[in-house]
Amino acid sequence: MNSFDKWLNEDLLTEETIGTIDDEIPFEVRLDTTNHSQERKFRHQIEDPNKIIDEKDVISDVEKAIKPIAKRQLFDIDSLPMKYHIFNEKTELNTIIELKNEWRNGKGQLVAVVVTTMYKKDFRAFAGHKKITVQ
């Protein structure tokens, strides 16, 4: 190994922790209140009159997906705005959210807007939606 290869492999490409981020990043989950979203909460009542998609379940699944979504954003895998398909393997609840940056009071905030929800094991989201699986 010549000196250039040694420098490249040992000095330049060595991974070291150079710092940490201690600041909290504000993240708001806002439920979409359009007619479409509201109608979709009750779509499964035809099969089962007691089956309503509970907002608590939707929020829980979105909260579970925050870490993998944040990792994708941190490593610049996805750009904003981005739509995500969150699939809960245990309950088969599918949630489509749009993650976007909004300016409020002079500050940028990440906002996840729930677009639609559905119980379906083999749900297929539109092309371009990134699938995040939770339990």
C-alpha atoms as a PDB file:
ATOM      1  CA  MET A   1       0.000   0.000   0.000  1.00  0.00           C
ATOM      2  CA  ASN A   2       1.454   3.344  -1.026  1.00  0.00           C
ATOM      3  CA  SER A   3       1.267   6.431   1.160  1.00  0.00           C
ATOM      4  CA  PHE A   4      -1.698   7.861  -0.755  1.00  0.00           C
ATOM      5  CA  ASP A   5      -3.739   4.666  -0.251  1.00  0.00           C
ATOM      6  CA  LYS A   6      -2.780   4.632   3.427  1.00  0.00           C
ATOM      7  CA  TRP A   7      -3.866   8.251   3.834  1.00  0.00           C
ATOM      8  CA  LEU A   8      -7.144   7.632   1.979  1.00  0.00           C
ATOM      9  CA  ASN A   9      -8.059   4.436   3.836  1.00  0.00           C
ATOM     10  CA  GLU A  10      -6.786   5.150   7.330  1.00  0.00           C
ATOM     11  CA  ASP A  11      -7.040   8.892   7.737  1.00  0.00           C
ATOM     12  CA  LEU A  12      -9.718  10.189   5.385  1.00  0.00           C
ATOM     13  CA  LEU A  13     -12.271   7.383   5.451  1.00  0.00           C
ATOM     14  CA  THR A  14     -12.172   6.683   9.176  1.00  0.00           C
ATOM     15  CA  GLU A  15     -15.573   7.251  10.755  1.00  0.00           C
ATOM     16  CA  GLU A  16     -15.489   9.170  13.992  1.00  0.00           C
ATOM     17  CA  THR A  17     -18.170  10.890  15.993  1.00  0.00           C
ATOM     18  CA  ILE A  18     -17.540  14.586  15.628  1.00  0.00           C
ATOM     19  CA  GLY A  19     -20.562  15.805  17.573  1.00  0.00           C
ATOM     20  CA  THR A  20     -24.131  15.197  18.551  1.00  0.00           C
ATOM     21  CA  ILE A  21     -27.384  17.072  18.097  1.00  0.00           C
ATOM     22  CA  ASP A  22     -29.053  17.916  21.385  1.00  0.00           C
ATOM     23  CA  ASP A  23     -31.780  20.251  20.140  1.00  0.00           C
ATOM     24  CA  GLU A  24     -35.304  18.971  19.841  1.00  0.00           C
ATOM     25  CA  ILE A  25     -36.796  19.095  16.384  1.00  0.00           C
ATOM     26  CA  PRO A  26     -40.458  20.099  16.604  1.00  0.00           C
ATOM     27  CA  PHE A  27     -42.714  17.571  14.875  1.00  0.00           C
ATOM     28  CA  GLU A  28     -46.442  18.043  14.737  1.00  0.00           C
ATOM     29  CA  VAL A  29     -48.986  15.427  13.717  1.00  0.00           C
ATOM     30  CA  ARG A  30     -52.012  17.150  12.313  1.00  0.00           C
ATOM     31  CA  LEU A  31     -55.023  15.127  11.202  1.00  0.00           C
ATOM     32  CA  ASP A  32     -56.468  16.102   7.852  1.00  0.00           C
ATOM     33  CA  THR A  33     -60.084  17.154   8.297  1.00  0.00           C
ATOM     34  CA  THR A  34     -61.171  17.136   4.670  1.00  0.00           C
ATOM     35  CA  ASN A  35     -64.392  15.366   3.701  1.00  0.00           C
ATOM     36  CA  HIS A  36     -62.340  12.587   2.120  1.00  0.00           C
ATOM     37  CA  SER A  37     -60.401  11.886   5.295  1.00  0.00           C
ATOM     38  CA  GLN A  38     -63.507  11.965   7.485  1.00  0.00           C
ATOM     39  CA  GLU A  39     -65.438   9.621   5.186  1.00  0.00           C
ATOM     40  CA  ARG A  40     -62.564   7.140   5.159  1.00  0.00           C
ATOM     41  CA  LYS A  41     -62.726   6.700   8.937  1.00  0.00           C
ATOM     42  CA  PHE A  42     -66.091   4.975   8.532  1.00  0.00           C
ATOM     43  CA  ARG A  43     -65.495   3.000   5.308  1.00  0.00           C
ATOM     44  CA  HIS A  44     -65.258  -0.353   7.112  1.00  0.00           C
ATOM     45  CA  GLN A  45     -68.657  -0.087   8.815  1.00  0.00           C
ATOM     46  CA  ILE A  46     -70.277  -1.896   5.882  1.00  0.00           C
ATOM     47  CA  GLU A  47     -68.484  -5.079   6.979  1.00  0.00           C
ATOM     48  CA  ASP A  48     -68.625  -4.376  10.716  1.00  0.00           C
ATOM     49  CA  PRO A  49     -70.884  -1.615  12.151  1.00  0.00           C
ATOM     50  CA  ASN A  50     -68.514  -1.116  15.101  1.00  0.00           C
ATOM     51  CA  LYS A  51     -65.356  -0.802  13.012  1.00  0.00           C
ATOM     52  CA  ILE A  52     -64.284   2.832  12.902  1.00  0.00           C
ATOM     53  CA  ILE A  53     -60.697   3.919  12.366  1.00  0.00           C
ATOM     54  CA  ASP A  54     -59.737   5.499  15.675  1.00  0.00           C
ATOM     55  CA  GLU A  55     -57.637   8.672  15.514  1.00  0.00           C
ATOM     56  CA  LYS A  56     -55.587   7.366  18.464  1.00  0.00           C
ATOM     57  CA  ASP A  57     -54.493   4.355  16.371  1.00  0.00           C
ATOM     58  CA  VAL A  58     -53.553   6.612  13.470  1.00  0.00           C
ATOM     59  CA  ILE A  59     -51.528   8.934  15.710  1.00  0.00           C
ATOM     60  CA  SER A  60     -49.845   5.939  17.381  1.00  0.00           C
ATOM     61  CA  ASP A  61     -48.761   4.515  14.022  1.00  0.00           C
ATOM     62  CA  VAL A  62     -47.473   7.899  12.839  1.00  0.00           C
ATOM     63  CA  GLU A  63     -45.491   8.281  16.074  1.00  0.00           C
ATOM     64  CA  LYS A  64     -43.967   4.819  15.557  1.00  0.00           C
ATOM     65  CA  ALA A  65     -42.935   5.815  12.030  1.00  0.00           C
ATOM     66  CA  ILE A  66     -41.279   9.078  13.058  1.00  0.00           C
ATOM     67  CA  LYS A  67     -37.874   7.534  13.824  1.00  0.00           C
ATOM     68  CA  PRO A  68     -37.418   5.740  10.465  1.00  0.00           C
ATOM     69  CA  ILE A  69     -38.792   8.775   8.618  1.00  0.00           C
ATOM     70  CA  ALA A  70     -36.421  11.094  10.510  1.00  0.00           C
ATOM     71  CA  LYS A  71     -33.511   8.813   9.618  1.00  0.00           C
ATOM     72  CA  ARG A  72     -34.460   8.962   5.914  1.00  0.00           C
ATOM     73  CA  GLN A  73     -34.665  12.755   6.149  1.00  0.00           C
ATOM     74  CA  LEU A  74     -31.400  13.052   8.089  1.00  0.00           C
ATOM     75  CA  PHE A  75     -29.479  11.087   5.461  1.00  0.00           C
ATOM     76  CA  ASP A  76     -31.176  13.021   2.637  1.00  0.00           C
ATOM     77  CA  ILE A  77     -32.808   9.879   1.223  1.00  0.00           C
ATOM     78  CA  ASP A  78     -36.130  11.709   0.815  1.00  0.00           C
ATOM     79  CA  SER A  79     -36.881  15.332   0.079  1.00  0.00           C
ATOM     80  CA  LEU A  80     -39.808  17.413   1.270  1.00  0.00           C
ATOM     81  CA  PRO A  81     -42.663  17.336   0.660  1.00  0.00           C
ATOM     82  CA  MET A  82     -42.877  13.528   0.730  1.00  0.00           C
ATOM     83  CA  LYS A  83     -45.775  11.121   1.098  1.00  0.00           C
ATOM     84  CA  TYR A  84     -45.312   8.047   3.281  1.00  0.00           C
ATOM     85  CA  HIS A  85     -47.379   4.876   3.460  1.00  0.00           C
ATOM     86  CA  ILE A  86     -47.337   3.674   7.071  1.00  0.00           C
ATOM     87  CA  PHE A  87     -48.422   0.043   7.400  1.00  0.00           C
ATOM     88  CA  ASN A  88     -49.093  -1.543  10.781  1.00  0.00           C
ATOM     89  CA  GLU A  89     -48.402  -5.285  10.371  1.00  0.00           C
ATOM     90  CA  LYS A  90     -50.329  -6.189  13.507  1.00  0.00           C
ATOM     91  CA  THR A  91     -53.574  -4.287  12.839  1.00  0.00           C
ATOM     92  CA  GLU A  92     -53.300  -4.022   9.020  1.00  0.00           C
ATOM     93  CA  LEU A  93     -54.018  -0.290   9.297  1.00  0.00           C
ATOM     94  CA  ASN A  94     -52.614   1.745   6.411  1.00  0.00           C
ATOM     95  CA  THR A  95     -52.055   5.462   6.851  1.00  0.00           C
ATOM     96  CA  ILE A  96     -50.909   7.846   4.147  1.00  0.00           C
ATOM     97  CA  ILE A  97     -49.249  11.010   5.418  1.00  0.00           C
ATOM     98  CA  GLU A  98     -47.649  13.950   3.709  1.00  0.00           C
ATOM     99  CA  LEU A  99     -44.578  15.262   5.487  1.00  0.00           C
ATOM    100  CA  LYS A 100     -43.847  18.878   4.702  1.00  0.00           C
ATOM    101  CA  ASN A 101     -42.100  21.910   6.068  1.00  0.00           C
ATOM    102  CA  GLU A 102     -44.324  24.809   7.098  1.00  0.00           C
ATOM    103  CA  TRP A 103     -43.362  28.227   8.352  1.00  0.00           C
ATOM    104  CA  ARG A 104     -45.137  29.402  11.506  1.00  0.00           C
ATOM    105  CA  ASN A 105     -44.153  32.371  13.625  1.00  0.00           C
ATOM    106  CA  GLY A 106     -40.937  32.731  11.655  1.00  0.00           C
ATOM    107  CA  LYS A 107     -39.849  29.122  12.268  1.00  0.00           C
ATOM    108  CA  GLY A 108     -39.821  26.092  10.028  1.00  0.00           C
ATOM    109  CA  GLN A 109     -41.728  23.094  11.397  1.00  0.00           C
ATOM    110  CA  LEU A 110     -42.138  19.581  10.088  1.00  0.00           C
ATOM    111  CA  VAL A 111     -45.816  18.764   9.761  1.00  0.00           C
ATOM    112  CA  ALA A 112     -47.273  15.328   9.036  1.00  0.00           C
ATOM    113  CA  VAL A 113     -50.739  15.629   7.529  1.00  0.00           C
ATOM    114  CA  VAL A 114     -52.805  12.444   7.506  1.00  0.00           C
ATOM    115  CA  VAL A 115     -54.290  12.149   4.030  1.00  0.00           C
ATOM    116  CA  THR A 116     -56.184   8.852   4.254  1.00  0.00           C
ATOM    117  CA  THR A 117     -56.452   5.613   6.225  1.00  0.00           C
ATOM    118  CA  MET A 118     -57.677   2.098   5.495  1.00  0.00           C
ATOM    119  CA  TYR A 119     -57.653  -1.391   6.988  1.00  0.00           C
ATOM    120  CA  LYS A 120     -56.342  -3.646   4.239  1.00  0.00           C
ATOM    121  CA  LYS A 121     -53.567  -6.227   4.247  1.00  0.00           C
ATOM    122  CA  ASP A 122     -52.575  -5.801   0.589  1.00  0.00           C
ATOM    123  CA  PHE A 123     -53.121  -2.034   0.273  1.00  0.00           C
ATOM    124  CA  ARG A 124     -51.108  -0.476  -2.552  1.00  0.00           C
ATOM    125  CA  ALA A 125     -50.168   3.156  -2.275  1.00  0.00           C
ATOM    126  CA  PHE A 126     -49.462   5.366  -5.268  1.00  0.00           C
ATOM    127  CA  ALA A 127     -46.029   5.169  -6.868  1.00  0.00           C
ATOM    128  CA  GLY A 128     -43.559   7.427  -5.097  1.00  0.00           C
ATOM    129  CA  HIS A 129     -44.985   6.923  -1.596  1.00  0.00           C
ATOM    130  CA  LYS A 130     -42.313   5.508   0.704  1.00  0.00           C
ATOM    131  CA  LYS A 131     -43.528   2.535   2.747  1.00  0.00           C
ATOM    132  CA  ILE A 132     -42.722   2.430   6.465  1.00  0.00           C
ATOM    133  CA  THR A 133     -43.779  -0.735   8.328  1.00  0.00           C
ATOM    134  CA  VAL A 134     -44.595  -0.540  12.058  1.00  0.00           C
ATOM    135  CA  GLN A 135     -46.046  -2.946  14.646  1.00  0.00           C
END
